[in-house]
Amino acid sequence: MLLTKPSFLNKYCLSLMLALFVMHGVHAKSDHQESTPAKAGAQKGAHKYSNDKDIVLRKNAQSTLYLLSGWGKTEGPFVWYTVSAHFNSDQLSPNGKPFNLFSLSGALDCKENHFFFYRTSYMYFDVKAKSLNEVFFKKAKSDVISINPETIESSVKAIICNE
């Protein structure tokens, strides 16, 4: 039944990954987090960001979450961006393969306060071989989701909408 309803499966995977990001962000925070630019950017008007460098959004002992460089292309009311997570230990992708890098690409509407995702990618970086391989990806537009305070999307919005 799940295979015949890709929108349900897509929502489930996105919800699961967002919940993981939020859980990782709520866990004990690293001392390094206080010096990251994203924390300064969460204060209104504290800093205007350029999109030529990755920005650390959250970091703890299990993972680091980034807003990847290159964000800011607009199409109508939407600003496009990619959020990526680096895990310190291997995780399992939906197809059962190990991964240690994850990314969600999407767009948000700064004025209407909502977003959607359109591409999910699970990757494995082999340190010994110095190779990066995508182990699973899904390209499908999610439903439009409201941005709530204290979420990853709220942090992203504060940066890319220059709030």
N, C-alpha and C. Protein backbone atom coordinates (compact mmCIF):
# COMPACT_ATOMS: atom_id res chain seq x y z
N MET A 1 0.81 -1.19 0.00
CA MET A 1 0.00 0.00 0.00
C MET A 1 0.86 1.26 0.00
N LEU A 2 1.96 1.27 0.76
CA LEU A 2 2.82 2.44 0.80
C LEU A 2 3.44 2.73 -0.56
N LEU A 3 3.72 1.67 -1.31
CA LEU A 3 4.34 1.88 -2.61
C LEU A 3 3.38 2.53 -3.60
N THR A 4 2.09 2.37 -3.40
CA THR A 4 1.14 2.97 -4.32
C THR A 4 0.80 4.40 -3.96
N LYS A 5 1.26 4.87 -2.79
CA LYS A 5 1.00 6.24 -2.36
C LYS A 5 2.32 6.95 -2.11
N PRO A 6 3.02 7.37 -3.16
CA PRO A 6 4.32 8.00 -2.97
C PRO A 6 4.25 9.29 -2.17
N SER A 7 3.12 10.01 -2.20
CA SER A 7 3.05 11.24 -1.45
C SER A 7 3.07 10.94 0.05
N PHE A 8 2.43 9.87 0.49
CA PHE A 8 2.46 9.48 1.90
C PHE A 8 3.87 9.08 2.29
N LEU A 9 4.52 8.26 1.47
CA LEU A 9 5.89 7.82 1.75
C LEU A 9 6.83 9.01 1.76
N ASN A 10 6.66 9.91 0.83
CA ASN A 10 7.49 11.11 0.77
C ASN A 10 7.33 11.94 2.04
N LYS A 11 6.08 12.16 2.46
CA LYS A 11 5.81 12.93 3.69
C LYS A 11 6.42 12.23 4.89
N TYR A 12 6.29 10.90 4.93
CA TYR A 12 6.82 10.14 6.05
C TYR A 12 8.34 10.28 6.12
N CYS A 13 9.04 10.12 5.00
CA CYS A 13 10.51 10.24 4.97
C CYS A 13 10.94 11.65 5.36
N LEU A 14 10.29 12.65 4.82
CA LEU A 14 10.65 14.03 5.15
C LEU A 14 10.41 14.31 6.63
N SER A 15 9.28 13.87 7.13
CA SER A 15 8.97 14.08 8.54
C SER A 15 9.98 13.39 9.43
N LEU A 16 10.36 12.18 9.07
CA LEU A 16 11.34 11.43 9.83
C LEU A 16 12.69 12.14 9.85
N MET A 17 13.14 12.59 8.69
CA MET A 17 14.44 13.27 8.62
C MET A 17 14.41 14.60 9.35
N LEU A 18 13.34 15.36 9.23
CA LEU A 18 13.22 16.61 9.96
C LEU A 18 13.20 16.37 11.46
N ALA A 19 12.51 15.33 11.88
CA ALA A 19 12.47 15.00 13.31
C ALA A 19 13.87 14.63 13.81
N LEU A 20 14.63 13.89 12.99
CA LEU A 20 16.02 13.57 13.36
C LEU A 20 16.85 14.83 13.51
N PHE A 21 16.70 15.76 12.57
CA PHE A 21 17.46 17.01 12.65
C PHE A 21 17.10 17.78 13.92
N VAL A 22 15.80 17.86 14.20
CA VAL A 22 15.37 18.59 15.39
C VAL A 22 15.88 17.90 16.64
N MET A 23 15.80 16.55 16.69
CA MET A 23 16.28 15.82 17.86
C MET A 23 17.77 16.06 18.05
N HIS A 24 18.53 16.02 16.97
CA HIS A 24 19.97 16.26 17.07
C HIS A 24 20.24 17.67 17.55
N GLY A 25 19.44 18.61 17.15
CA GLY A 25 19.62 19.99 17.57
C GLY A 25 19.25 20.21 19.01
N VAL A 26 18.34 19.39 19.56
CA VAL A 26 17.90 19.55 20.94
C VAL A 26 18.85 18.86 21.91
N HIS A 27 19.57 17.82 21.45
CA HIS A 27 20.52 17.13 22.31
C HIS A 27 21.57 18.09 22.82
N ALA A 28 22.42 17.59 23.69
CA ALA A 28 23.49 18.42 24.27
C ALA A 28 24.23 19.15 23.18
N LYS A 29 24.32 20.45 23.32
CA LYS A 29 24.91 21.27 22.29
C LYS A 29 26.41 21.36 22.47
N SER A 30 27.11 21.34 21.37
CA SER A 30 28.56 21.45 21.39
C SER A 30 29.00 22.84 21.78
N ASP A 31 30.17 22.94 22.41
CA ASP A 31 30.74 24.24 22.75
C ASP A 31 31.01 25.05 21.49
N HIS A 32 31.26 24.37 20.38
CA HIS A 32 31.56 25.06 19.11
C HIS A 32 30.35 25.78 18.57
N GLN A 33 29.17 25.34 18.92
CA GLN A 33 27.95 25.91 18.34
C GLN A 33 27.82 27.39 18.65
N GLU A 34 28.27 27.80 19.81
CA GLU A 34 28.08 29.19 20.20
C GLU A 34 28.87 30.14 19.33
N SER A 35 29.90 29.65 18.64
CA SER A 35 30.70 30.53 17.81
C SER A 35 30.31 30.48 16.34
N THR A 36 29.26 29.71 16.01
CA THR A 36 28.88 29.60 14.60
C THR A 36 28.14 30.83 14.14
N PRO A 37 28.27 31.17 12.86
CA PRO A 37 27.58 32.33 12.33
C PRO A 37 26.06 32.20 12.40
N ALA A 38 25.52 30.99 12.32
CA ALA A 38 24.06 30.82 12.30
C ALA A 38 23.44 31.32 13.59
N LYS A 39 24.12 31.12 14.71
CA LYS A 39 23.56 31.60 15.97
C LYS A 39 23.48 33.12 15.96
N ALA A 40 24.52 33.76 15.46
CA ALA A 40 24.50 35.22 15.37
C ALA A 40 23.41 35.67 14.41
N GLY A 41 23.19 34.90 13.34
CA GLY A 41 22.19 35.27 12.34
C GLY A 41 20.78 35.12 12.85
N ALA A 42 20.60 34.30 13.89
CA ALA A 42 19.26 34.11 14.44
C ALA A 42 18.77 35.38 15.14
N GLN A 43 19.68 36.25 15.53
CA GLN A 43 19.29 37.52 16.13
C GLN A 43 18.99 38.48 15.00
N LYS A 44 17.82 39.11 15.05
CA LYS A 44 17.40 39.97 13.94
C LYS A 44 18.41 41.04 13.62
N GLY A 45 18.78 41.14 12.35
CA GLY A 45 19.65 42.20 11.88
C GLY A 45 21.09 42.07 12.34
N ALA A 46 21.44 40.96 12.97
CA ALA A 46 22.79 40.83 13.51
C ALA A 46 23.83 40.71 12.40
N HIS A 47 23.48 40.08 11.30
CA HIS A 47 24.48 39.81 10.27
C HIS A 47 23.79 39.53 8.94
N LYS A 48 24.30 40.07 7.88
CA LYS A 48 23.82 39.72 6.53
C LYS A 48 24.77 38.68 5.98
N TYR A 49 24.23 37.59 5.48
CA TYR A 49 25.06 36.49 4.99
C TYR A 49 25.19 36.55 3.48
N SER A 50 26.35 36.10 3.02
CA SER A 50 26.52 35.90 1.58
C SER A 50 26.30 34.41 1.35
N ASN A 51 26.07 34.02 0.13
CA ASN A 51 25.79 32.62 -0.15
C ASN A 51 26.97 31.89 -0.78
N ASP A 52 28.19 32.37 -0.51
CA ASP A 52 29.36 31.72 -1.09
C ASP A 52 30.07 30.76 -0.14
N LYS A 53 29.53 30.55 1.07
CA LYS A 53 30.12 29.61 2.04
C LYS A 53 29.01 28.82 2.71
N ASP A 54 29.32 27.58 3.07
CA ASP A 54 28.39 26.79 3.86
C ASP A 54 28.29 27.42 5.24
N ILE A 55 27.11 27.36 5.83
CA ILE A 55 26.87 27.94 7.16
C ILE A 55 26.43 26.82 8.09
N VAL A 56 27.09 26.69 9.23
CA VAL A 56 26.71 25.69 10.22
C VAL A 56 25.44 26.17 10.92
N LEU A 57 24.38 25.37 10.84
CA LEU A 57 23.12 25.69 11.50
C LEU A 57 23.08 25.11 12.91
N ARG A 58 23.50 23.86 13.04
CA ARG A 58 23.52 23.18 14.34
C ARG A 58 24.63 22.15 14.34
N LYS A 59 25.20 21.95 15.51
CA LYS A 59 26.27 20.96 15.64
C LYS A 59 26.19 20.34 17.02
N ASN A 60 26.36 19.01 17.07
CA ASN A 60 26.45 18.29 18.33
C ASN A 60 27.34 17.07 18.12
N ALA A 61 27.41 16.19 19.10
CA ALA A 61 28.31 15.04 19.02
C ALA A 61 27.94 14.06 17.91
N GLN A 62 26.66 14.03 17.50
CA GLN A 62 26.23 13.06 16.49
C GLN A 62 26.29 13.59 15.06
N SER A 63 26.09 14.91 14.87
CA SER A 63 25.98 15.41 13.50
C SER A 63 26.22 16.91 13.43
N THR A 64 26.45 17.36 12.21
CA THR A 64 26.55 18.80 11.92
C THR A 64 25.58 19.09 10.79
N LEU A 65 24.78 20.12 10.96
CA LEU A 65 23.77 20.50 9.97
C LEU A 65 24.19 21.82 9.33
N TYR A 66 24.20 21.86 8.00
CA TYR A 66 24.66 23.01 7.24
C TYR A 66 23.58 23.55 6.32
N LEU A 67 23.62 24.86 6.10
CA LEU A 67 22.95 25.47 4.97
C LEU A 67 24.04 25.59 3.92
N LEU A 68 23.89 24.89 2.81
CA LEU A 68 24.95 24.87 1.80
C LEU A 68 25.01 26.17 1.01
N SER A 69 26.22 26.49 0.57
CA SER A 69 26.41 27.70 -0.22
C SER A 69 25.63 27.62 -1.53
N GLY A 70 25.42 28.75 -2.15
CA GLY A 70 24.72 28.79 -3.42
C GLY A 70 23.23 29.06 -3.29
N TRP A 71 22.73 29.18 -2.06
CA TRP A 71 21.31 29.45 -1.87
C TRP A 71 20.97 30.86 -2.36
N GLY A 72 19.72 31.10 -2.59
CA GLY A 72 19.29 32.45 -2.91
C GLY A 72 18.69 32.64 -4.28
N LYS A 73 18.78 31.64 -5.16
CA LYS A 73 18.13 31.78 -6.46
C LYS A 73 16.63 31.88 -6.22
N THR A 74 16.00 32.85 -6.84
CA THR A 74 14.57 33.03 -6.63
C THR A 74 13.78 32.64 -7.87
N GLU A 75 12.58 32.19 -7.61
CA GLU A 75 11.64 31.84 -8.67
C GLU A 75 10.26 32.18 -8.11
N GLY A 76 9.71 33.28 -8.57
CA GLY A 76 8.46 33.76 -7.97
C GLY A 76 8.73 34.16 -6.53
N PRO A 77 7.88 33.75 -5.62
CA PRO A 77 8.10 34.13 -4.22
C PRO A 77 9.09 33.23 -3.49
N PHE A 78 9.57 32.17 -4.15
CA PHE A 78 10.40 31.17 -3.48
C PHE A 78 11.89 31.44 -3.61
N VAL A 79 12.61 31.18 -2.51
CA VAL A 79 14.07 31.22 -2.47
C VAL A 79 14.53 29.78 -2.31
N TRP A 80 15.42 29.32 -3.20
CA TRP A 80 15.87 27.92 -3.22
C TRP A 80 17.08 27.75 -2.32
N TYR A 81 17.18 26.58 -1.68
CA TYR A 81 18.29 26.30 -0.77
C TYR A 81 18.46 24.79 -0.61
N THR A 82 19.60 24.39 -0.02
CA THR A 82 19.86 23.00 0.33
C THR A 82 20.42 22.94 1.74
N VAL A 83 19.84 22.07 2.54
CA VAL A 83 20.32 21.81 3.90
C VAL A 83 20.96 20.43 3.86
N SER A 84 22.15 20.30 4.49
CA SER A 84 22.87 19.04 4.49
C SER A 84 23.28 18.67 5.90
N ALA A 85 23.28 17.39 6.19
CA ALA A 85 23.73 16.91 7.50
C ALA A 85 24.88 15.94 7.30
N HIS A 86 25.90 16.11 8.12
CA HIS A 86 27.02 15.17 8.16
C HIS A 86 26.92 14.43 9.49
N PHE A 87 26.84 13.11 9.41
CA PHE A 87 26.73 12.28 10.61
C PHE A 87 28.09 11.71 10.97
N ASN A 88 28.40 11.63 12.25
CA ASN A 88 29.68 11.12 12.72
C ASN A 88 29.74 9.61 12.72
N SER A 89 28.62 8.94 12.52
CA SER A 89 28.60 7.49 12.37
C SER A 89 27.60 7.16 11.27
N ASP A 90 27.77 5.99 10.67
CA ASP A 90 26.91 5.60 9.55
C ASP A 90 25.45 5.44 9.99
N GLN A 91 24.55 5.84 9.11
CA GLN A 91 23.11 5.69 9.25
C GLN A 91 22.65 4.77 8.13
N LEU A 92 21.39 4.35 8.13
CA LEU A 92 20.87 3.52 7.05
C LEU A 92 19.85 4.30 6.23
N SER A 93 20.05 4.29 4.91
CA SER A 93 19.13 4.96 4.00
C SER A 93 17.86 4.12 3.83
N PRO A 94 16.83 4.67 3.18
CA PRO A 94 15.59 3.90 2.97
C PRO A 94 15.80 2.58 2.23
N ASN A 95 16.86 2.48 1.42
CA ASN A 95 17.11 1.22 0.73
C ASN A 95 18.09 0.32 1.49
N GLY A 96 18.39 0.67 2.75
CA GLY A 96 19.21 -0.18 3.60
C GLY A 96 20.71 0.00 3.47
N LYS A 97 21.15 0.91 2.62
CA LYS A 97 22.59 1.14 2.44
C LYS A 97 23.07 2.18 3.45
N PRO A 98 24.31 2.03 3.93
CA PRO A 98 24.82 3.01 4.89
C PRO A 98 25.07 4.37 4.23
N PHE A 99 24.84 5.43 5.00
CA PHE A 99 25.14 6.78 4.53
C PHE A 99 25.66 7.59 5.71
N ASN A 100 26.43 8.65 5.41
CA ASN A 100 26.90 9.55 6.46
C ASN A 100 26.70 11.02 6.08
N LEU A 101 26.15 11.27 4.91
CA LEU A 101 25.78 12.61 4.47
C LEU A 101 24.35 12.57 3.94
N PHE A 102 23.60 13.60 4.23
CA PHE A 102 22.21 13.67 3.83
C PHE A 102 21.91 15.09 3.40
N SER A 103 21.12 15.27 2.36
CA SER A 103 20.73 16.63 1.98
C SER A 103 19.28 16.68 1.52
N LEU A 104 18.66 17.81 1.84
CA LEU A 104 17.31 18.13 1.39
C LEU A 104 17.38 19.43 0.63
N SER A 105 16.88 19.46 -0.59
CA SER A 105 16.82 20.69 -1.36
C SER A 105 15.38 21.13 -1.42
N GLY A 106 15.18 22.42 -1.28
CA GLY A 106 13.82 22.93 -1.29
C GLY A 106 13.78 24.42 -1.50
N ALA A 107 12.63 24.98 -1.25
CA ALA A 107 12.41 26.42 -1.45
C ALA A 107 11.48 26.92 -0.36
N LEU A 108 11.66 28.19 0.00
CA LEU A 108 10.75 28.77 0.97
C LEU A 108 10.28 30.13 0.51
N ASP A 109 9.11 30.48 0.98
CA ASP A 109 8.49 31.77 0.68
C ASP A 109 8.64 32.62 1.93
N CYS A 110 9.49 33.66 1.85
CA CYS A 110 9.79 34.50 3.00
C CYS A 110 8.56 35.24 3.52
N LYS A 111 7.71 35.70 2.64
CA LYS A 111 6.54 36.48 3.06
C LYS A 111 5.42 35.60 3.60
N GLU A 112 5.15 34.49 2.96
CA GLU A 112 4.04 33.63 3.36
C GLU A 112 4.42 32.63 4.45
N ASN A 113 5.73 32.54 4.79
CA ASN A 113 6.21 31.71 5.89
C ASN A 113 5.92 30.22 5.69
N HIS A 114 6.22 29.71 4.48
CA HIS A 114 6.10 28.28 4.25
C HIS A 114 7.19 27.81 3.29
N PHE A 115 7.36 26.49 3.19
CA PHE A 115 8.43 25.91 2.38
C PHE A 115 7.97 24.57 1.81
N PHE A 116 8.79 24.04 0.90
CA PHE A 116 8.60 22.67 0.41
C PHE A 116 9.97 22.11 0.06
N PHE A 117 10.07 20.77 0.02
CA PHE A 117 11.29 20.11 -0.41
C PHE A 117 11.04 19.48 -1.77
N TYR A 118 12.11 19.36 -2.58
CA TYR A 118 11.92 18.71 -3.88
C TYR A 118 12.94 17.63 -4.17
N ARG A 119 14.02 17.54 -3.39
CA ARG A 119 15.01 16.48 -3.63
C ARG A 119 15.63 16.05 -2.32
N THR A 120 15.68 14.74 -2.10
CA THR A 120 16.31 14.16 -0.93
C THR A 120 17.44 13.27 -1.41
N SER A 121 18.62 13.42 -0.82
CA SER A 121 19.78 12.66 -1.25
C SER A 121 20.52 12.08 -0.05
N TYR A 122 20.83 10.80 -0.13
CA TYR A 122 21.61 10.11 0.89
C TYR A 122 22.94 9.74 0.25
N MET A 123 24.05 10.11 0.88
CA MET A 123 25.37 9.86 0.29
C MET A 123 26.29 9.19 1.30
N TYR A 124 27.28 8.49 0.78
CA TYR A 124 28.28 7.87 1.64
C TYR A 124 29.66 8.37 1.22
N PHE A 125 30.36 8.99 2.18
CA PHE A 125 31.74 9.42 1.94
C PHE A 125 32.66 8.40 2.58
N ASP A 126 33.48 7.75 1.74
CA ASP A 126 34.47 6.77 2.20
C ASP A 126 35.77 7.51 2.44
N VAL A 127 36.16 7.65 3.70
CA VAL A 127 37.35 8.43 4.06
C VAL A 127 38.60 7.80 3.48
N LYS A 128 38.72 6.47 3.56
CA LYS A 128 39.93 5.79 3.07
C LYS A 128 40.09 5.95 1.56
N ALA A 129 39.03 5.76 0.81
CA ALA A 129 39.09 5.86 -0.65
C ALA A 129 38.92 7.30 -1.12
N LYS A 130 38.52 8.19 -0.22
CA LYS A 130 38.25 9.59 -0.55
C LYS A 130 37.26 9.69 -1.71
N SER A 131 36.18 8.91 -1.59
CA SER A 131 35.16 8.91 -2.63
C SER A 131 33.79 9.19 -2.03
N LEU A 132 32.97 9.87 -2.79
CA LEU A 132 31.62 10.20 -2.39
C LEU A 132 30.65 9.57 -3.38
N ASN A 133 29.71 8.79 -2.87
CA ASN A 133 28.73 8.13 -3.73
C ASN A 133 27.33 8.36 -3.19
N GLU A 134 26.42 8.66 -4.09
CA GLU A 134 25.02 8.78 -3.70
C GLU A 134 24.45 7.37 -3.63
N VAL A 135 23.86 7.01 -2.47
CA VAL A 135 23.34 5.66 -2.28
C VAL A 135 21.83 5.60 -2.45
N PHE A 136 21.15 6.75 -2.33
CA PHE A 136 19.71 6.78 -2.52
C PHE A 136 19.28 8.22 -2.74
N PHE A 137 18.34 8.44 -3.66
CA PHE A 137 17.77 9.78 -3.80
C PHE A 137 16.32 9.67 -4.23
N LYS A 138 15.60 10.73 -3.91
CA LYS A 138 14.20 10.80 -4.33
C LYS A 138 13.94 12.23 -4.75
N LYS A 139 13.40 12.39 -5.92
CA LYS A 139 13.06 13.72 -6.42
C LYS A 139 11.56 13.77 -6.58
N ALA A 140 10.92 14.50 -5.68
CA ALA A 140 9.47 14.66 -5.72
C ALA A 140 9.13 15.84 -4.83
N LYS A 141 8.30 16.73 -5.31
CA LYS A 141 7.92 17.91 -4.54
C LYS A 141 6.99 17.51 -3.39
N SER A 142 7.35 17.96 -2.19
CA SER A 142 6.49 17.72 -1.04
C SER A 142 5.35 18.72 -1.03
N ASP A 143 4.42 18.53 -0.13
CA ASP A 143 3.38 19.53 0.08
C ASP A 143 4.02 20.78 0.68
N VAL A 144 3.34 21.89 0.61
CA VAL A 144 3.81 23.12 1.24
C VAL A 144 3.60 22.98 2.74
N ILE A 145 4.62 23.32 3.52
CA ILE A 145 4.60 23.15 4.97
C ILE A 145 4.85 24.50 5.62
N SER A 146 4.11 24.82 6.68
CA SER A 146 4.31 26.08 7.40
C SER A 146 5.61 26.03 8.19
N ILE A 147 6.28 27.18 8.28
CA ILE A 147 7.52 27.28 9.05
C ILE A 147 7.16 27.65 10.48
N ASN A 148 7.57 26.80 11.41
CA ASN A 148 7.33 27.04 12.82
C ASN A 148 8.61 27.52 13.49
N PRO A 149 8.50 28.35 14.53
CA PRO A 149 9.68 28.80 15.27
C PRO A 149 10.43 27.60 15.86
N GLU A 150 11.72 27.78 16.10
CA GLU A 150 12.57 26.75 16.71
C GLU A 150 12.77 25.52 15.83
N THR A 151 12.57 25.65 14.52
CA THR A 151 12.82 24.54 13.60
C THR A 151 14.00 24.89 12.71
N ILE A 152 14.49 23.90 12.00
CA ILE A 152 15.58 24.13 11.06
C ILE A 152 15.16 25.15 10.02
N GLU A 153 13.93 25.01 9.51
CA GLU A 153 13.46 25.92 8.48
C GLU A 153 13.40 27.36 8.97
N SER A 154 13.10 27.55 10.25
CA SER A 154 13.08 28.88 10.83
C SER A 154 14.48 29.48 10.82
N SER A 155 15.48 28.67 11.15
CA SER A 155 16.88 29.12 11.10
C SER A 155 17.29 29.46 9.67
N VAL A 156 16.89 28.61 8.72
CA VAL A 156 17.20 28.86 7.31
C VAL A 156 16.54 30.15 6.85
N LYS A 157 15.28 30.33 7.21
CA LYS A 157 14.54 31.53 6.81
C LYS A 157 15.23 32.79 7.34
N ALA A 158 15.69 32.76 8.60
CA ALA A 158 16.36 33.92 9.19
C ALA A 158 17.60 34.32 8.39
N ILE A 159 18.26 33.34 7.81
CA ILE A 159 19.48 33.62 7.04
C ILE A 159 19.15 34.05 5.62
N ILE A 160 18.37 33.24 4.89
CA ILE A 160 18.19 33.53 3.47
C ILE A 160 17.21 34.63 3.18
N CYS A 161 16.37 34.97 4.18
CA CYS A 161 15.43 36.07 3.99
C CYS A 161 15.96 37.35 4.64
N ASN A 162 17.20 37.30 5.11
CA ASN A 162 17.87 38.45 5.75
C ASN A 162 17.04 39.05 6.87
N GLU A 163 16.52 38.19 7.73
CA GLU A 163 15.72 38.67 8.87
C GLU A 163 16.59 38.89 10.08
